[in-house]
Amino acid sequence: MTLPADAHILELLVNRDGLPTLVTLENGATITVYNIAWGYDIGDEYAHVTSNVSPEVDGTAIHLFLTSEVRSISDPDSGETLG
């Protein structure tokens, strides 16, 4: 079985569940992600992601994005680029 093209992005974000993670998107927006729920529509190569909703994190925004829009993922405490 071949893994989806975005498997590394999803694995990284799932492994950081509960930890703040900075995700920079292709439009330049940087969002803070604590958890994700994701899925694929039939025929999609990249997942659609909803962040900070499962479970909801008080005081954070819920974001919707595609994994194809992700340009970088980093740890806000160390500044280290992840993945």
Protein backbone atom coordinates (compact mmCIF):
# COMPACT_ATOMS: atom_id res chain seq x y z
CA MET A 1 0.00 0.00 0.00
CA THR A 2 1.31 3.44 -0.95
CA LEU A 3 1.05 6.20 1.66
CA PRO A 4 -0.70 9.45 0.68
CA ALA A 5 1.61 12.29 -0.39
CA ASP A 6 0.76 14.19 2.79
CA ALA A 7 1.20 11.32 5.27
CA HIS A 8 4.28 12.98 6.85
CA ILE A 9 2.35 16.20 7.58
CA LEU A 10 -0.57 14.38 9.19
CA GLU A 11 1.74 12.10 11.22
CA LEU A 12 3.73 15.07 12.52
CA LEU A 13 0.60 16.97 13.59
CA VAL A 14 -1.02 13.90 15.16
CA ASN A 15 2.17 13.11 17.10
CA ARG A 16 2.13 16.65 18.55
CA ASP A 17 -1.48 16.33 19.70
CA GLY A 18 -2.08 18.77 22.57
CA LEU A 19 1.13 20.73 21.96
CA PRO A 20 1.09 24.12 20.26
CA THR A 21 2.49 23.81 16.75
CA LEU A 22 2.94 26.65 14.26
CA VAL A 23 1.78 25.87 10.75
CA THR A 24 2.65 28.35 8.00
CA LEU A 25 0.45 28.20 4.93
CA GLU A 26 1.26 29.14 1.35
CA ASN A 27 -0.66 32.43 1.71
CA GLY A 28 1.76 33.48 4.50
CA ALA A 29 -0.69 32.94 7.36
CA THR A 30 0.76 31.25 10.45
CA ILE A 31 -1.72 29.39 12.62
CA THR A 32 -1.36 27.65 15.96
CA VAL A 33 -2.52 24.05 15.88
CA TYR A 34 -3.14 21.93 19.01
CA ASN A 35 -4.99 19.01 17.41
CA ILE A 36 -6.44 18.00 14.08
CA ALA A 37 -9.28 16.11 12.49
CA TRP A 38 -8.80 15.29 8.81
CA GLY A 39 -10.21 13.44 5.87
CA TYR A 40 -10.04 12.94 2.14
CA ASP A 41 -12.78 13.40 -0.41
CA ILE A 42 -12.97 10.75 -3.13
CA GLY A 43 -10.08 11.25 -5.53
CA ASP A 44 -8.23 13.80 -3.38
CA GLU A 45 -4.47 13.47 -3.05
CA TYR A 46 -4.31 15.83 -0.06
CA ALA A 47 -6.38 15.90 3.12
CA HIS A 48 -8.63 18.67 4.36
CA VAL A 49 -7.80 19.50 7.98
CA THR A 50 -9.77 21.10 10.79
CA SER A 51 -7.65 22.23 13.72
CA ASN A 52 -8.37 22.83 17.39
CA VAL A 53 -11.80 21.24 17.37
CA SER A 54 -11.33 17.67 18.61
CA PRO A 55 -11.22 18.42 21.46
CA GLU A 56 -11.96 22.14 21.35
CA VAL A 57 -9.21 24.26 22.89
CA ASP A 58 -10.49 27.29 24.81
CA GLY A 59 -9.19 30.59 23.47
CA THR A 60 -8.01 29.21 20.13
CA ALA A 61 -9.39 29.66 16.67
CA ILE A 62 -10.61 26.77 14.56
CA HIS A 63 -8.82 26.63 11.20
CA LEU A 64 -9.62 24.81 7.98
CA PHE A 65 -6.82 24.12 5.48
CA LEU A 66 -5.54 21.58 2.97
CA THR A 67 -2.30 19.76 3.60
CA SER A 68 -1.18 20.91 0.14
CA GLU A 69 -1.20 24.50 1.52
CA VAL A 70 1.31 23.74 4.31
CA ARG A 71 4.71 25.35 3.75
CA SER A 72 6.32 24.77 7.14
CA ILE A 73 5.64 23.36 10.59
CA SER A 74 7.57 24.52 13.64
CA ASP A 75 7.74 24.36 17.41
CA PRO A 76 6.84 27.80 18.83
CA ASP A 77 8.99 27.29 21.94
CA SER A 78 12.26 26.29 20.26
CA GLY A 79 11.65 27.80 16.82
CA GLU A 80 12.78 24.48 15.35
CA THR A 81 11.34 23.54 11.97
CA LEU A 82 9.76 20.11 12.23
CA GLY A 83 9.58 17.43 9.57
